[in-house]
Amino acid sequence: MAEPTKRYAVVTGASKGIGLEICKQLALHGVTVVLTARDEKRGMEAVEKLKESGLSEYIVFHQLDVADPANYCFSSRFCQKAIWKARYLGEQCRNWWCDNRS
């Protein structure tokens, strides 16, 4: 029997509110989540909350400010290399933000 395909998600603005709850629900369903936030301290606090709920296996934190193109380019490379081969993120978004900037 084939092994199930692993699923991944990147959630922006995930240090509180709806973003944090989305991370929690995805992780509860076995999705590996890259929790992102502009504020590193708040992002790490959010990760700790989820880890206390027993979800440490599914949560990874990465600081990200989507308004900063340089930060976004680094984040797409981080996800592509450190987490998985994110074809859409790595090819589409990286090209749009990094290669086609004016």
PDB file of N, CA and C in Angstrom:
ATOM      1  N   MET A   1       0.844  -1.172   0.000  1.00  0.00           N
ATOM      2  CA  MET A   1       0.000   0.000   0.000  1.00  0.00           C
ATOM      3  C   MET A   1       0.892   1.239   0.000  1.00  0.00           C
ATOM      4  N   ALA A   2       0.563   2.213  -0.811  1.00  0.00           N
ATOM      5  CA  ALA A   2       1.348   3.439  -0.922  1.00  0.00           C
ATOM      6  C   ALA A   2       1.220   4.294   0.337  1.00  0.00           C
ATOM      7  N   GLU A   3       2.327   4.957   0.661  1.00  0.00           N
ATOM      8  CA  GLU A   3       2.322   5.847   1.817  1.00  0.00           C
ATOM      9  C   GLU A   3       1.530   7.107   1.462  1.00  0.00           C
ATOM     10  N   PRO A   4       0.713   7.627   2.393  1.00  0.00           N
ATOM     11  CA  PRO A   4      -0.064   8.819   2.091  1.00  0.00           C
ATOM     12  C   PRO A   4       0.845  10.013   1.802  1.00  0.00           C
ATOM     13  N   THR A   5       0.390  10.876   0.904  1.00  0.00           N
ATOM     14  CA  THR A   5       1.133  12.080   0.566  1.00  0.00           C
ATOM     15  C   THR A   5       1.121  13.039   1.739  1.00  0.00           C
ATOM     16  N   LYS A   6       2.285  13.578   2.075  1.00  0.00           N
ATOM     17  CA  LYS A   6       2.360  14.564   3.146  1.00  0.00           C
ATOM     18  C   LYS A   6       1.824  15.888   2.623  1.00  0.00           C
ATOM     19  N   ARG A   7       1.147  16.598   3.508  1.00  0.00           N
ATOM     20  CA  ARG A   7       0.578  17.888   3.127  1.00  0.00           C
ATOM     21  C   ARG A   7       1.248  18.992   3.931  1.00  0.00           C
ATOM     22  N   TYR A   8       1.414  20.159   3.279  1.00  0.00           N
ATOM     23  CA  TYR A   8       2.084  21.294   3.885  1.00  0.00           C
ATOM     24  C   TYR A   8       1.269  22.549   3.644  1.00  0.00           C
ATOM     25  N   ALA A   9       1.408  23.513   4.564  1.00  0.00           N
ATOM     26  CA  ALA A   9       0.735  24.801   4.411  1.00  0.00           C
ATOM     27  C   ALA A   9       1.610  25.891   4.993  1.00  0.00           C
ATOM     28  N   VAL A  10       1.558  27.061   4.369  1.00  0.00           N
ATOM     29  CA  VAL A  10       2.190  28.255   4.909  1.00  0.00           C
ATOM     30  C   VAL A  10       1.058  29.195   5.283  1.00  0.00           C
ATOM     31  N   VAL A  11       1.004  29.602   6.551  1.00  0.00           N
ATOM     32  CA  VAL A  11      -0.059  30.491   7.024  1.00  0.00           C
ATOM     33  C   VAL A  11       0.583  31.804   7.434  1.00  0.00           C
ATOM     34  N   THR A  12       0.190  32.886   6.760  1.00  0.00           N
ATOM     35  CA  THR A  12       0.727  34.202   7.091  1.00  0.00           C
ATOM     36  C   THR A  12      -0.127  34.855   8.167  1.00  0.00           C
ATOM     37  N   GLY A  13       0.485  35.736   8.932  1.00  0.00           N
ATOM     38  CA  GLY A  13      -0.240  36.429  10.001  1.00  0.00           C
ATOM     39  C   GLY A  13      -0.816  35.470  11.012  1.00  0.00           C
ATOM     40  N   ALA A  14      -0.024  34.479  11.402  1.00  0.00           N
ATOM     41  CA  ALA A  14      -0.550  33.367  12.187  1.00  0.00           C
ATOM     42  C   ALA A  14      -0.237  33.444  13.675  1.00  0.00           C
ATOM     43  N   SER A  15       0.205  34.591  14.162  1.00  0.00           N
ATOM     44  CA  SER A  15       0.575  34.666  15.577  1.00  0.00           C
ATOM     45  C   SER A  15      -0.622  34.830  16.501  1.00  0.00           C
ATOM     46  N   LYS A  16      -1.790  35.119  15.953  1.00  0.00           N
ATOM     47  CA  LYS A  16      -2.979  35.291  16.795  1.00  0.00           C
ATOM     48  C   LYS A  16      -4.242  35.152  15.951  1.00  0.00           C
ATOM     49  N   GLY A  17      -5.359  35.127  16.613  1.00  0.00           N
ATOM     50  CA  GLY A  17      -6.657  35.164  15.945  1.00  0.00           C
ATOM     51  C   GLY A  17      -6.916  34.032  14.972  1.00  0.00           C
ATOM     52  N   ILE A  18      -7.492  34.401  13.840  1.00  0.00           N
ATOM     53  CA  ILE A  18      -7.896  33.418  12.829  1.00  0.00           C
ATOM     54  C   ILE A  18      -6.695  32.655  12.286  1.00  0.00           C
ATOM     55  N   GLY A  19      -5.582  33.350  12.051  1.00  0.00           N
ATOM     56  CA  GLY A  19      -4.384  32.679  11.531  1.00  0.00           C
ATOM     57  C   GLY A  19      -3.887  31.586  12.450  1.00  0.00           C
ATOM     58  N   LEU A  20      -3.873  31.873  13.745  1.00  0.00           N
ATOM     59  CA  LEU A  20      -3.438  30.878  14.726  1.00  0.00           C
ATOM     60  C   LEU A  20      -4.392  29.687  14.751  1.00  0.00           C
ATOM     61  N   GLU A  21      -5.672  29.961  14.690  1.00  0.00           N
ATOM     62  CA  GLU A  21      -6.655  28.870  14.691  1.00  0.00           C
ATOM     63  C   GLU A  21      -6.552  28.026  13.420  1.00  0.00           C
ATOM     64  N   ILE A  22      -6.273  28.666  12.297  1.00  0.00           N
ATOM     65  CA  ILE A  22      -6.083  27.914  11.050  1.00  0.00           C
ATOM     66  C   ILE A  22      -4.892  26.963  11.196  1.00  0.00           C
ATOM     67  N   CYS A  23      -3.796  27.477  11.771  1.00  0.00           N
ATOM     68  CA  CYS A  23      -2.618  26.621  12.014  1.00  0.00           C
ATOM     69  C   CYS A  23      -2.991  25.423  12.876  1.00  0.00           C
ATOM     70  N   LYS A  24      -3.717  25.685  13.934  1.00  0.00           N
ATOM     71  CA  LYS A  24      -4.108  24.618  14.859  1.00  0.00           C
ATOM     72  C   LYS A  24      -4.949  23.557  14.157  1.00  0.00           C
ATOM     73  N   GLN A  25      -5.952  23.993  13.414  1.00  0.00           N
ATOM     74  CA  GLN A  25      -6.843  23.044  12.745  1.00  0.00           C
ATOM     75  C   GLN A  25      -6.105  22.243  11.672  1.00  0.00           C
ATOM     76  N   LEU A  26      -5.239  22.887  10.915  1.00  0.00           N
ATOM     77  CA  LEU A  26      -4.468  22.160   9.909  1.00  0.00           C
ATOM     78  C   LEU A  26      -3.567  21.120  10.572  1.00  0.00           C
ATOM     79  N   ALA A  27      -2.873  21.530  11.636  1.00  0.00           N
ATOM     80  CA  ALA A  27      -1.982  20.597  12.340  1.00  0.00           C
ATOM     81  C   ALA A  27      -2.757  19.427  12.937  1.00  0.00           C
ATOM     82  N   LEU A  28      -3.945  19.700  13.464  1.00  0.00           N
ATOM     83  CA  LEU A  28      -4.777  18.624  14.010  1.00  0.00           C
ATOM     84  C   LEU A  28      -5.148  17.603  12.947  1.00  0.00           C
ATOM     85  N   HIS A  29      -5.144  18.023  11.693  1.00  0.00           N
ATOM     86  CA  HIS A  29      -5.464  17.120  10.586  1.00  0.00           C
ATOM     87  C   HIS A  29      -4.206  16.587   9.896  1.00  0.00           C
ATOM     88  N   GLY A  30      -3.050  16.711  10.567  1.00  0.00           N
ATOM     89  CA  GLY A  30      -1.831  16.104  10.056  1.00  0.00           C
ATOM     90  C   GLY A  30      -1.080  16.906   9.010  1.00  0.00           C
ATOM     91  N   VAL A  31      -1.438  18.171   8.835  1.00  0.00           N
ATOM     92  CA  VAL A  31      -0.747  19.021   7.868  1.00  0.00           C
ATOM     93  C   VAL A  31       0.441  19.673   8.574  1.00  0.00           C
ATOM     94  N   THR A  32       1.615  19.633   7.949  1.00  0.00           N
ATOM     95  CA  THR A  32       2.768  20.337   8.483  1.00  0.00           C
ATOM     96  C   THR A  32       2.609  21.805   8.125  1.00  0.00           C
ATOM     97  N   VAL A  33       2.653  22.671   9.144  1.00  0.00           N
ATOM     98  CA  VAL A  33       2.344  24.085   8.968  1.00  0.00           C
ATOM     99  C   VAL A  33       3.580  24.936   9.223  1.00  0.00           C
ATOM    100  N   VAL A  34       3.850  25.860   8.293  1.00  0.00           N
ATOM    101  CA  VAL A  34       4.843  26.901   8.520  1.00  0.00           C
ATOM    102  C   VAL A  34       4.062  28.107   9.012  1.00  0.00           C
ATOM    103  N   LEU A  35       4.137  28.349  10.310  1.00  0.00           N
ATOM    104  CA  LEU A  35       3.459  29.473  10.945  1.00  0.00           C
ATOM    105  C   LEU A  35       4.341  30.697  10.742  1.00  0.00           C
ATOM    106  N   THR A  36       3.811  31.739  10.101  1.00  0.00           N
ATOM    107  CA  THR A  36       4.606  32.942   9.864  1.00  0.00           C
ATOM    108  C   THR A  36       3.968  34.143  10.550  1.00  0.00           C
ATOM    109  N   ALA A  37       4.839  35.076  10.933  1.00  0.00           N
ATOM    110  CA  ALA A  37       4.394  36.317  11.561  1.00  0.00           C
ATOM    111  C   ALA A  37       5.473  37.370  11.368  1.00  0.00           C
ATOM    112  N   ARG A  38       5.060  38.632  11.325  1.00  0.00           N
ATOM    113  CA  ARG A  38       6.036  39.718  11.228  1.00  0.00           C
ATOM    114  C   ARG A  38       6.878  39.824  12.487  1.00  0.00           C
ATOM    115  N   ASP A  39       6.202  39.701  13.628  1.00  0.00           N
ATOM    116  CA  ASP A  39       6.862  39.860  14.927  1.00  0.00           C
ATOM    117  C   ASP A  39       7.362  38.497  15.398  1.00  0.00           C
ATOM    118  N   GLU A  40       8.677  38.349  15.463  1.00  0.00           N
ATOM    119  CA  GLU A  40       9.260  37.046  15.813  1.00  0.00           C
ATOM    120  C   GLU A  40       8.847  36.588  17.212  1.00  0.00           C
ATOM    121  N   LYS A  41       8.816  37.514  18.176  1.00  0.00           N
ATOM    122  CA  LYS A  41       8.454  37.145  19.545  1.00  0.00           C
ATOM    123  C   LYS A  41       7.028  36.600  19.604  1.00  0.00           C
ATOM    124  N   ARG A  42       6.093  37.293  18.973  1.00  0.00           N
ATOM    125  CA  ARG A  42       4.703  36.824  18.982  1.00  0.00           C
ATOM    126  C   ARG A  42       4.555  35.517  18.213  1.00  0.00           C
ATOM    127  N   GLY A  43       5.310  35.368  17.139  1.00  0.00           N
ATOM    128  CA  GLY A  43       5.267  34.123  16.385  1.00  0.00           C
ATOM    129  C   GLY A  43       5.757  32.941  17.210  1.00  0.00           C
ATOM    130  N   MET A  44       6.851  33.140  17.926  1.00  0.00           N
ATOM    131  CA  MET A  44       7.384  32.064  18.767  1.00  0.00           C
ATOM    132  C   MET A  44       6.431  31.736  19.913  1.00  0.00           C
ATOM    133  N   GLU A  45       5.771  32.751  20.470  1.00  0.00           N
ATOM    134  CA  GLU A  45       4.777  32.506  21.518  1.00  0.00           C
ATOM    135  C   GLU A  45       3.616  31.674  20.972  1.00  0.00           C
ATOM    136  N   ALA A  46       3.211  31.949  19.739  1.00  0.00           N
ATOM    137  CA  ALA A  46       2.129  31.180  19.114  1.00  0.00           C
ATOM    138  C   ALA A  46       2.545  29.726  18.910  1.00  0.00           C
ATOM    139  N   VAL A  47       3.777  29.532  18.472  1.00  0.00           N
ATOM    140  CA  VAL A  47       4.295  28.173  18.274  1.00  0.00           C
ATOM    141  C   VAL A  47       4.298  27.424  19.603  1.00  0.00           C
ATOM    142  N   GLU A  48       4.730  28.075  20.662  1.00  0.00           N
ATOM    143  CA  GLU A  48       4.749  27.430  21.983  1.00  0.00           C
ATOM    144  C   GLU A  48       3.343  27.019  22.427  1.00  0.00           C
ATOM    145  N   LYS A  49       2.358  27.869  22.166  1.00  0.00           N
ATOM    146  CA  LYS A  49       0.963  27.515  22.498  1.00  0.00           C
ATOM    147  C   LYS A  49       0.548  26.230  21.784  1.00  0.00           C
ATOM    148  N   LEU A  50       0.878  26.151  20.508  1.00  0.00           N
ATOM    149  CA  LEU A  50       0.499  24.972  19.734  1.00  0.00           C
ATOM    150  C   LEU A  50       1.278  23.736  20.183  1.00  0.00           C
ATOM    151  N   LYS A  51       2.527  23.931  20.529  1.00  0.00           N
ATOM    152  CA  LYS A  51       3.335  22.799  21.007  1.00  0.00           C
ATOM    153  C   LYS A  51       2.786  22.273  22.327  1.00  0.00           C
ATOM    154  N   GLU A  52       2.291  23.172  23.179  1.00  0.00           N
ATOM    155  CA  GLU A  52       1.683  22.746  24.441  1.00  0.00           C
ATOM    156  C   GLU A  52       0.428  21.911  24.203  1.00  0.00           C
ATOM    157  N   SER A  53      -0.182  22.091  23.040  1.00  0.00           N
ATOM    158  CA  SER A  53      -1.359  21.309  22.674  1.00  0.00           C
ATOM    159  C   SER A  53      -0.989  19.985  22.033  1.00  0.00           C
ATOM    160  N   GLY A  54       0.309  19.680  21.996  1.00  0.00           N
ATOM    161  CA  GLY A  54       0.754  18.405  21.436  1.00  0.00           C
ATOM    162  C   GLY A  54       0.942  18.417  19.932  1.00  0.00           C
ATOM    163  N   LEU A  55       1.111  19.594  19.343  1.00  0.00           N
ATOM    164  CA  LEU A  55       1.211  19.693  17.891  1.00  0.00           C
ATOM    165  C   LEU A  55       2.618  20.007  17.405  1.00  0.00           C
ATOM    166  N   SER A  56       3.630  19.815  18.251  1.00  0.00           N
ATOM    167  CA  SER A  56       5.000  20.212  17.905  1.00  0.00           C
ATOM    168  C   SER A  56       5.523  19.524  16.649  1.00  0.00           C
ATOM    169  N   GLU A  57       5.042  18.344  16.379  1.00  0.00           N
ATOM    170  CA  GLU A  57       5.489  17.591  15.202  1.00  0.00           C
ATOM    171  C   GLU A  57       5.074  18.274  13.893  1.00  0.00           C
ATOM    172  N   TYR A  58       4.044  19.113  13.956  1.00  0.00           N
ATOM    173  CA  TYR A  58       3.468  19.683  12.746  1.00  0.00           C
ATOM    174  C   TYR A  58       3.681  21.184  12.569  1.00  0.00           C
ATOM    175  N   ILE A  59       4.376  21.845  13.490  1.00  0.00           N
ATOM    176  CA  ILE A  59       4.496  23.303  13.448  1.00  0.00           C
ATOM    177  C   ILE A  59       5.947  23.737  13.301  1.00  0.00           C
ATOM    178  N   VAL A  60       6.184  24.623  12.346  1.00  0.00           N
ATOM    179  CA  VAL A  60       7.488  25.235  12.136  1.00  0.00           C
ATOM    180  C   VAL A  60       7.253  26.737  12.078  1.00  0.00           C
ATOM    181  N   PHE A  61       8.115  27.525  12.715  1.00  0.00           N
ATOM    182  CA  PHE A  61       7.972  28.987  12.662  1.00  0.00           C
ATOM    183  C   PHE A  61       8.978  29.596  11.706  1.00  0.00           C
ATOM    184  N   HIS A  62       8.516  30.620  11.002  1.00  0.00           N
ATOM    185  CA  HIS A  62       9.406  31.422  10.165  1.00  0.00           C
ATOM    186  C   HIS A  62       8.921  32.856  10.181  1.00  0.00           C
ATOM    187  N   GLN A  63       9.822  33.791  10.486  1.00  0.00           N
ATOM    188  CA  GLN A  63       9.472  35.205  10.484  1.00  0.00           C
ATOM    189  C   GLN A  63       9.266  35.654   9.044  1.00  0.00           C
ATOM    190  N   LEU A  64       8.177  36.367   8.787  1.00  0.00           N
ATOM    191  CA  LEU A  64       7.856  36.790   7.432  1.00  0.00           C
ATOM    192  C   LEU A  64       7.051  38.083   7.456  1.00  0.00           C
ATOM    193  N   ASP A  65       7.495  39.041   6.676  1.00  0.00           N
ATOM    194  CA  ASP A  65       6.738  40.267   6.441  1.00  0.00           C
ATOM    195  C   ASP A  65       6.431  40.289   4.954  1.00  0.00           C
ATOM    196  N   VAL A  66       5.189  39.993   4.571  1.00  0.00           N
ATOM    197  CA  VAL A  66       4.842  39.887   3.154  1.00  0.00           C
ATOM    198  C   VAL A  66       4.926  41.224   2.431  1.00  0.00           C
ATOM    199  N   ALA A  67       5.004  42.332   3.161  1.00  0.00           N
ATOM    200  CA  ALA A  67       5.136  43.649   2.541  1.00  0.00           C
ATOM    201  C   ALA A  67       6.577  43.950   2.133  1.00  0.00           C
ATOM    202  N   ASP A  68       7.521  43.132   2.561  1.00  0.00           N
ATOM    203  CA  ASP A  68       8.930  43.334   2.270  1.00  0.00           C
ATOM    204  C   ASP A  68       9.389  42.295   1.251  1.00  0.00           C
ATOM    205  N   PRO A  69       9.586  42.693  -0.011  1.00  0.00           N
ATOM    206  CA  PRO A  69       9.959  41.720  -1.048  1.00  0.00           C
ATOM    207  C   PRO A  69      11.225  40.931  -0.728  1.00  0.00           C
ATOM    208  N   ALA A  70      12.221  41.556  -0.146  1.00  0.00           N
ATOM    209  CA  ALA A  70      13.456  40.831   0.181  1.00  0.00           C
ATOM    210  C   ALA A  70      13.182  39.744   1.214  1.00  0.00           C
ATOM    211  N   ASN A  71      12.362  40.044   2.201  1.00  0.00           N
ATOM    212  CA  ASN A  71      11.995  39.080   3.230  1.00  0.00           C
ATOM    213  C   ASN A  71      11.200  37.943   2.610  1.00  0.00           C
ATOM    214  N   TYR A  72      10.330  38.259   1.685  1.00  0.00           N
ATOM    215  CA  TYR A  72       9.499  37.250   1.036  1.00  0.00           C
ATOM    216  C   TYR A  72      10.349  36.300   0.201  1.00  0.00           C
ATOM    217  N   CYS A  73      11.344  36.846  -0.508  1.00  0.00           N
ATOM    218  CA  CYS A  73      12.229  35.993  -1.308  1.00  0.00           C
ATOM    219  C   CYS A  73      12.979  35.006  -0.419  1.00  0.00           C
ATOM    220  N   PHE A  74      13.506  35.492   0.693  1.00  0.00           N
ATOM    221  CA  PHE A  74      14.199  34.616   1.633  1.00  0.00           C
ATOM    222  C   PHE A  74      13.252  33.538   2.143  1.00  0.00           C
ATOM    223  N   SER A  75      12.020  33.912   2.450  1.00  0.00           N
ATOM    224  CA  SER A  75      11.051  32.955   2.985  1.00  0.00           C
ATOM    225  C   SER A  75      10.703  31.875   1.979  1.00  0.00           C
ATOM    226  N   SER A  76      10.565  32.241   0.717  1.00  0.00           N
ATOM    227  CA  SER A  76      10.254  31.217  -0.286  1.00  0.00           C
ATOM    228  C   SER A  76      11.407  30.233  -0.409  1.00  0.00           C
ATOM    229  N   ARG A  77      12.634  30.720  -0.329  1.00  0.00           N
ATOM    230  CA  ARG A  77      13.795  29.825  -0.378  1.00  0.00           C
ATOM    231  C   ARG A  77      13.856  28.956   0.874  1.00  0.00           C
ATOM    232  N   PHE A  78      13.533  29.547   2.026  1.00  0.00           N
ATOM    233  CA  PHE A  78      13.503  28.788   3.280  1.00  0.00           C
ATOM    234  C   PHE A  78      12.543  27.615   3.149  1.00  0.00           C
ATOM    235  N   CYS A  79      11.343  27.878   2.691  1.00  0.00           N
ATOM    236  CA  CYS A  79      10.338  26.816   2.560  1.00  0.00           C
ATOM    237  C   CYS A  79      10.777  25.774   1.547  1.00  0.00           C
ATOM    238  N   GLN A  80      11.309  26.234   0.441  1.00  0.00           N
ATOM    239  CA  GLN A  80      11.712  25.302  -0.605  1.00  0.00           C
ATOM    240  C   GLN A  80      12.830  24.380  -0.134  1.00  0.00           C
ATOM    241  N   LYS A  81      13.816  24.915   0.567  1.00  0.00           N
ATOM    242  CA  LYS A  81      14.972  24.113   0.969  1.00  0.00           C
ATOM    243  C   LYS A  81      14.772  23.381   2.288  1.00  0.00           C
ATOM    244  N   ALA A  82      14.187  24.044   3.271  1.00  0.00           N
ATOM    245  CA  ALA A  82      14.144  23.479   4.621  1.00  0.00           C
ATOM    246  C   ALA A  82      12.912  22.630   4.885  1.00  0.00           C
ATOM    247  N   ILE A  83      11.849  22.865   4.208  1.00  0.00           N
ATOM    248  CA  ILE A  83      10.610  22.158   4.510  1.00  0.00           C
ATOM    249  C   ILE A  83      10.260  21.148   3.409  1.00  0.00           C
ATOM    250  N   TRP A  84      10.160  21.566   2.199  1.00  0.00           N
ATOM    251  CA  TRP A  84       9.776  20.673   1.108  1.00  0.00           C
ATOM    252  C   TRP A  84      10.028  21.353  -0.226  1.00  0.00           C
ATOM    253  N   LYS A  85       9.849  20.645  -1.306  1.00  0.00           N
ATOM    254  CA  LYS A  85       9.970  21.245  -2.630  1.00  0.00           C
ATOM    255  C   LYS A  85       8.611  21.846  -2.978  1.00  0.00           C
ATOM    256  N   ALA A  86       8.486  23.101  -2.652  1.00  0.00           N
ATOM    257  CA  ALA A  86       7.216  23.795  -2.864  1.00  0.00           C
ATOM    258  C   ALA A  86       7.206  24.365  -4.279  1.00  0.00           C
ATOM    259  N   ARG A  87       6.737  23.605  -5.206  1.00  0.00           N
ATOM    260  CA  ARG A  87       6.787  24.044  -6.595  1.00  0.00           C
ATOM    261  C   ARG A  87       6.076  25.372  -6.802  1.00  0.00           C
ATOM    262  N   TYR A  88       4.870  25.481  -6.291  1.00  0.00           N
ATOM    263  CA  TYR A  88       4.142  26.720  -6.512  1.00  0.00           C
ATOM    264  C   TYR A  88       4.859  27.884  -5.843  1.00  0.00           C
ATOM    265  N   LEU A  89       5.188  27.715  -4.586  1.00  0.00           N
ATOM    266  CA  LEU A  89       5.849  28.786  -3.844  1.00  0.00           C
ATOM    267  C   LEU A  89       7.226  29.057  -4.421  1.00  0.00           C
ATOM    268  N   GLY A  90       7.968  28.009  -4.636  1.00  0.00           N
ATOM    269  CA  GLY A  90       9.342  28.178  -5.096  1.00  0.00           C
ATOM    270  C   GLY A  90       9.455  28.716  -6.504  1.00  0.00           C
ATOM    271  N   GLU A  91       8.569  28.293  -7.395  1.00  0.00           N
ATOM    272  CA  GLU A  91       8.678  28.709  -8.788  1.00  0.00           C
ATOM    273  C   GLU A  91       7.844  29.945  -9.092  1.00  0.00           C
ATOM    274  N   GLN A  92       6.587  29.941  -8.699  1.00  0.00           N
ATOM    275  CA  GLN A  92       5.694  31.033  -9.059  1.00  0.00           C
ATOM    276  C   GLN A  92       5.931  32.290  -8.229  1.00  0.00           C
ATOM    277  N   CYS A  93       5.829  32.163  -6.925  1.00  0.00           N
ATOM    278  CA  CYS A  93       5.959  33.332  -6.061  1.00  0.00           C
ATOM    279  C   CYS A  93       7.362  33.905  -6.092  1.00  0.00           C
ATOM    280  N   ARG A  94       8.356  33.051  -6.045  1.00  0.00           N
ATOM    281  CA  ARG A  94       9.730  33.540  -6.069  1.00  0.00           C
ATOM    282  C   ARG A  94      10.004  34.308  -7.347  1.00  0.00           C
ATOM    283  N   ASN A  95       9.555  33.776  -8.458  1.00  0.00           N
ATOM    284  CA  ASN A  95       9.751  34.473  -9.719  1.00  0.00           C
ATOM    285  C   ASN A  95       9.066  35.832  -9.717  1.00  0.00           C
ATOM    286  N   TRP A  96       7.856  35.852  -9.218  1.00  0.00           N
ATOM    287  CA  TRP A  96       7.092  37.096  -9.222  1.00  0.00           C
ATOM    288  C   TRP A  96       7.728  38.145  -8.333  1.00  0.00           C
ATOM    289  N   TRP A  97       8.112  37.770  -7.119  1.00  0.00           N
ATOM    290  CA  TRP A  97       8.669  38.738  -6.164  1.00  0.00           C
ATOM    291  C   TRP A  97      10.138  39.054  -6.433  1.00  0.00           C
ATOM    292  N   CYS A  98      10.933  38.069  -6.757  1.00  0.00           N
ATOM    293  CA  CYS A  98      12.393  38.260  -6.800  1.00  0.00           C
ATOM    294  C   CYS A  98      12.913  38.594  -8.194  1.00  0.00           C
ATOM    295  N   ASP A  99      12.472  37.859  -9.177  1.00  0.00           N
ATOM    296  CA  ASP A  99      13.046  37.991 -10.507  1.00  0.00           C
ATOM    297  C   ASP A  99      12.420  39.089 -11.340  1.00  0.00           C
ATOM    298  N   ASN A 100      11.173  39.454 -11.059  1.00  0.00           N
ATOM    299  CA  ASN A 100      10.465  40.410 -11.898  1.00  0.00           C
ATOM    300  C   ASN A 100      10.217  41.744 -11.216  1.00  0.00           C
ATOM    301  N   ARG A 101      10.947  42.007 -10.133  1.00  0.00           N
ATOM    302  CA  ARG A 101      10.801  43.289  -9.453  1.00  0.00           C
ATOM    303  C   ARG A 101      11.382  44.390 -10.312  1.00  0.00           C
ATOM    304  N   SER A 102      10.777  45.558 -10.257  1.00  0.00           N
ATOM    305  CA  SER A 102      11.351  46.691 -10.987  1.00  0.00           C
ATOM    306  C   SER A 102      12.168  47.551 -10.056  1.00  0.00           C
TER     307      SER A 102
END
